[in-house]
Amino acid sequence: MRFVIVGAGRVGLRTARILQEEGHEVTVVDNDPDKADRAREEGFMVVEGDGASEDIIEQTDPGTADALGGLTGDLNVNFAACMMGKHYGCRTVLRIDEDYREDIYHKFADDVDEVVYPERLGAAGAKTALLGGNFNVIADLTEQLQLTTVVVPGDSPVVGQQVSAVELPEDARIYAHGRAREHMTIPLPNATIEADDQLAVIADRSALAEVRRRLQGETAEPAE
């Protein structure tokens, strides 16, 4: 799959890295020369400029992208980029940094596919630690586990199967399912897989290649 990430800061670049690790093609946009250079050094295709500019977004070839993420620290830039992505038929993800308020969420939620607020997740982890919980357990797990999304091709052996019946390696689980360009949700017991469905999987890194083979068939490209 192909993604456009607007913003090569902390959130944007980490997101781009994860997508790249899973073998996806990623184009990064940023107007900061230092951030743009860092992204280039990591092997990303980079368009340097203002992510709120139509000319800049057009240079990312948004018509061929599956999704666009507005992940800068500037809400206005993120929203403008998402609206341009929406125009080209991309799935759009908008980052907001304000403290979560119902009015902020609903102001943007109807215009984009997803709204994310990374700082709220960090605050939840800090609260857990302060209350004596072991938030490091999540960090320990993610050293070995990888979250990935797989698109099921029409010739996949799992097309027509119920999600609950799909056989994966012991250290892999399907945790969400959705039709093409629809929100993924926890699969119902009788949910059946169709061509172009999306499956979200959590798996040990060593099992990713086998997971892709079973879900996408023998022609699946190995995870990078």
Protein backbone atom coordinates (compact mmCIF):
# COMPACT_ATOMS: atom_id res chain seq x y z
CA MET A 1 0.00 0.00 0.00
CA ARG A 2 1.05 3.62 -0.48
CA PHE A 3 0.84 6.36 2.17
CA VAL A 4 1.47 10.09 2.40
CA ILE A 5 2.57 11.37 5.82
CA VAL A 6 2.42 15.13 6.31
CA GLY A 7 4.84 15.97 9.11
CA ALA A 8 8.28 14.48 9.77
CA GLY A 9 8.31 15.28 13.47
CA ARG A 10 8.12 12.84 16.35
CA VAL A 11 4.70 11.39 15.52
CA GLY A 12 4.90 11.55 11.73
CA LEU A 13 8.35 10.03 11.33
CA ARG A 14 7.65 7.20 13.77
CA THR A 15 4.47 6.38 11.90
CA ALA A 16 6.35 6.45 8.59
CA ARG A 17 9.02 4.11 9.97
CA ILE A 18 6.47 1.52 11.07
CA LEU A 19 4.76 1.60 7.69
CA GLN A 20 8.12 1.30 5.93
CA GLU A 21 9.09 -1.66 8.14
CA GLU A 22 5.94 -3.42 7.00
CA GLY A 23 6.94 -3.00 3.37
CA HIS A 24 4.64 -0.12 2.46
CA GLU A 25 5.63 2.82 0.25
CA VAL A 26 5.71 6.12 2.16
CA THR A 27 6.08 9.70 0.98
CA VAL A 28 6.83 12.27 3.70
CA VAL A 29 6.03 15.99 3.55
CA ASP A 30 7.66 18.63 5.76
CA ASN A 31 8.67 22.28 5.40
CA ASP A 32 11.56 22.04 7.87
CA PRO A 33 14.80 21.37 5.91
CA ASP A 34 16.42 19.49 8.81
CA LYS A 35 13.41 17.19 9.27
CA ALA A 36 13.16 16.67 5.53
CA ASP A 37 16.86 15.72 5.35
CA ARG A 38 16.48 13.28 8.24
CA ALA A 39 13.58 11.60 6.47
CA ARG A 40 15.60 11.33 3.26
CA GLU A 41 18.49 9.78 5.17
CA GLU A 42 16.09 7.09 6.37
CA GLY A 43 15.18 6.27 2.80
CA PHE A 44 11.83 8.00 2.46
CA MET A 45 10.59 9.81 -0.61
CA VAL A 46 10.34 13.43 0.60
CA VAL A 47 8.45 16.45 -0.69
CA GLU A 48 9.78 19.54 1.04
CA GLY A 49 7.25 22.31 1.60
CA ASP A 50 4.06 23.41 3.33
CA GLY A 51 1.65 20.51 3.83
CA ALA A 52 -1.27 22.93 3.63
CA SER A 53 -0.30 23.89 0.06
CA GLU A 54 -2.19 22.25 -2.77
CA ASP A 55 0.91 22.45 -4.98
CA ILE A 56 2.96 20.53 -2.41
CA ILE A 57 0.33 17.84 -1.84
CA GLU A 58 -0.02 17.37 -5.59
CA GLN A 59 3.71 16.57 -5.74
CA THR A 60 3.05 13.52 -3.56
CA ASP A 61 0.83 12.05 -6.29
CA PRO A 62 -2.15 11.72 -3.91
CA GLY A 63 -4.27 10.07 -6.58
CA THR A 64 -2.23 6.88 -6.18
CA ALA A 65 -2.13 6.95 -2.35
CA ASP A 66 -4.29 4.70 -0.21
CA ALA A 67 -4.26 7.07 2.76
CA LEU A 68 -2.94 10.43 3.93
CA GLY A 69 -2.07 11.33 7.49
CA GLY A 70 -1.93 14.95 8.66
CA LEU A 71 0.44 14.39 11.57
CA THR A 72 2.19 17.73 12.13
CA GLY A 73 1.87 19.73 15.33
CA ASP A 74 -0.28 22.30 13.50
CA LEU A 75 -3.97 21.41 13.39
CA ASN A 76 -4.68 23.80 10.52
CA VAL A 77 -2.00 22.22 8.34
CA ASN A 78 -3.23 18.74 9.20
CA PHE A 79 -6.83 19.59 8.37
CA ALA A 80 -5.94 21.28 5.07
CA ALA A 81 -3.81 18.30 4.02
CA CYS A 82 -6.59 15.87 4.91
CA MET A 83 -9.16 17.82 2.92
CA MET A 84 -6.90 17.68 -0.13
CA GLY A 85 -6.34 13.97 0.44
CA LYS A 86 -10.09 13.45 0.68
CA HIS A 87 -10.50 15.19 -2.67
CA TYR A 88 -8.28 12.52 -4.23
CA GLY A 89 -10.12 9.66 -2.55
CA CYS A 90 -7.55 8.94 0.17
CA ARG A 91 -8.42 7.63 3.59
CA THR A 92 -7.56 10.52 5.94
CA VAL A 93 -6.20 10.58 9.48
CA LEU A 94 -6.04 13.88 11.39
CA ARG A 95 -3.80 14.52 14.38
CA ILE A 96 -4.99 16.93 17.07
CA ASP A 97 -2.87 17.98 20.04
CA GLU A 98 -5.39 19.91 22.11
CA ASP A 99 -6.71 18.37 25.31
CA TYR A 100 -9.53 16.11 24.30
CA ARG A 101 -12.85 17.91 24.25
CA GLU A 102 -16.05 16.62 22.72
CA ASP A 103 -16.56 19.76 20.62
CA ILE A 104 -13.05 19.56 19.10
CA TYR A 105 -13.52 15.93 18.17
CA HIS A 106 -16.91 16.39 16.56
CA LYS A 107 -15.76 19.51 14.71
CA PHE A 108 -13.38 17.39 12.64
CA ALA A 109 -14.63 13.81 12.99
CA ASP A 110 -17.28 14.16 10.31
CA ASP A 111 -14.78 15.45 7.73
CA VAL A 112 -12.00 12.87 8.11
CA ASP A 113 -11.87 9.12 8.56
CA GLU A 114 -10.03 9.13 11.88
CA VAL A 115 -8.94 11.66 14.53
CA VAL A 116 -5.89 10.77 16.64
CA TYR A 117 -4.45 12.58 19.66
CA PRO A 118 -1.10 11.03 20.65
CA GLU A 119 -0.65 13.16 23.77
CA ARG A 120 -3.78 11.66 25.31
CA LEU A 121 -2.33 8.17 24.92
CA GLY A 122 0.90 9.32 26.57
CA ALA A 123 -1.07 10.87 29.43
CA ALA A 124 -2.96 7.62 29.93
CA GLY A 125 0.35 5.78 30.26
CA ALA A 126 1.70 8.33 32.75
CA LYS A 127 -1.46 8.04 34.85
CA THR A 128 -1.15 4.25 34.87
CA ALA A 129 2.46 4.50 36.07
CA LEU A 130 1.59 7.06 38.75
CA LEU A 131 -1.14 4.78 40.08
CA GLY A 132 1.33 1.93 40.36
CA GLY A 133 0.47 0.07 37.17
CA ASN A 134 3.15 -1.55 35.04
CA PHE A 135 2.91 0.40 31.80
CA ASN A 136 6.28 -1.07 30.76
CA VAL A 137 4.51 -4.32 29.99
CA ILE A 138 3.22 -2.72 26.79
CA ALA A 139 6.70 -1.55 25.86
CA ASP A 140 8.08 -5.03 26.53
CA LEU A 141 5.46 -6.60 24.31
CA THR A 142 6.02 -4.22 21.44
CA GLU A 143 9.73 -5.11 21.37
CA GLN A 144 8.69 -8.54 20.09
CA LEU A 145 5.25 -7.96 18.61
CA GLN A 146 4.30 -6.05 15.49
CA LEU A 147 0.92 -4.59 14.62
CA THR A 148 0.22 -4.78 10.90
CA THR A 149 -2.67 -4.37 8.47
CA VAL A 150 -3.06 -6.82 5.59
CA VAL A 151 -5.25 -6.30 2.51
CA VAL A 152 -6.71 -9.60 1.32
CA PRO A 153 -6.38 -10.10 -2.46
CA GLY A 154 -9.10 -11.78 -4.48
CA ASP A 155 -7.08 -14.99 -4.92
CA SER A 156 -6.26 -15.36 -1.23
CA PRO A 157 -7.04 -18.78 0.28
CA VAL A 158 -8.92 -17.10 3.16
CA VAL A 159 -11.55 -15.42 0.94
CA GLY A 160 -14.91 -16.90 1.94
CA GLN A 161 -13.69 -18.07 5.34
CA GLN A 162 -15.00 -16.76 8.63
CA VAL A 163 -12.45 -14.60 10.43
CA SER A 164 -12.66 -16.86 13.47
CA ALA A 165 -11.75 -19.90 11.34
CA VAL A 166 -8.56 -18.51 9.81
CA GLU A 167 -5.52 -20.50 10.91
CA LEU A 168 -2.47 -18.38 11.74
CA PRO A 169 0.81 -19.16 13.52
CA GLU A 170 0.44 -19.67 17.26
CA ASP A 171 1.97 -16.25 18.03
CA ALA A 172 -0.37 -14.28 15.72
CA ARG A 173 -3.94 -13.07 16.12
CA ILE A 174 -6.45 -11.16 13.98
CA TYR A 175 -7.87 -8.42 16.18
CA ALA A 176 -9.84 -6.29 13.71
CA HIS A 177 -11.56 -6.65 10.34
CA GLY A 178 -13.13 -4.25 7.86
CA ARG A 179 -14.30 -3.91 4.29
CA ALA A 180 -12.21 -1.83 1.88
CA ARG A 181 -11.98 1.82 3.01
CA GLU A 182 -14.31 1.20 5.94
CA HIS A 183 -13.51 1.38 9.63
CA MET A 184 -12.06 -1.80 11.07
CA THR A 185 -13.80 -3.26 14.10
CA ILE A 186 -13.52 -6.34 16.31
CA PRO A 187 -14.89 -9.08 14.03
CA LEU A 188 -18.25 -10.62 14.80
CA PRO A 189 -18.29 -14.43 15.18
CA ASN A 190 -19.85 -14.93 11.73
CA ALA A 191 -17.84 -12.25 9.89
CA THR A 192 -16.75 -13.61 6.49
CA ILE A 193 -13.67 -12.42 4.62
CA GLU A 194 -14.16 -10.93 1.15
CA ALA A 195 -11.68 -9.76 -1.48
CA ASP A 196 -10.04 -6.42 -0.61
CA ASP A 197 -11.00 -6.69 3.06
CA GLN A 198 -8.53 -5.39 5.63
CA LEU A 199 -7.33 -7.49 8.53
CA ALA A 200 -5.42 -6.03 11.46
CA VAL A 201 -3.02 -8.54 12.97
CA ILE A 202 -0.77 -8.61 16.01
CA ALA A 203 2.10 -11.07 15.62
CA ASP A 204 5.61 -11.88 16.65
CA ARG A 205 7.99 -10.22 14.19
CA SER A 206 9.39 -13.59 13.22
CA ALA A 207 5.93 -14.79 12.17
CA LEU A 208 5.00 -11.85 9.92
CA ALA A 209 6.15 -13.48 6.68
CA GLU A 210 4.09 -16.59 7.39
CA VAL A 211 1.07 -14.47 8.40
CA ARG A 212 1.19 -12.61 5.08
CA ARG A 213 1.59 -15.87 3.16
CA ARG A 214 -1.49 -17.37 4.78
CA LEU A 215 -3.62 -14.25 4.35
CA GLN A 216 -2.42 -13.10 0.94
CA GLY A 217 -1.36 -16.36 -0.69
CA GLU A 218 1.90 -17.70 -2.02
CA THR A 219 2.59 -14.50 -3.99
CA ALA A 220 2.68 -12.29 -0.87
CA GLU A 221 5.80 -10.18 -0.68
CA PRO A 222 8.00 -10.84 2.36
CA ALA A 223 7.80 -8.23 5.14
CA GLU A 224 10.80 -5.92 5.20
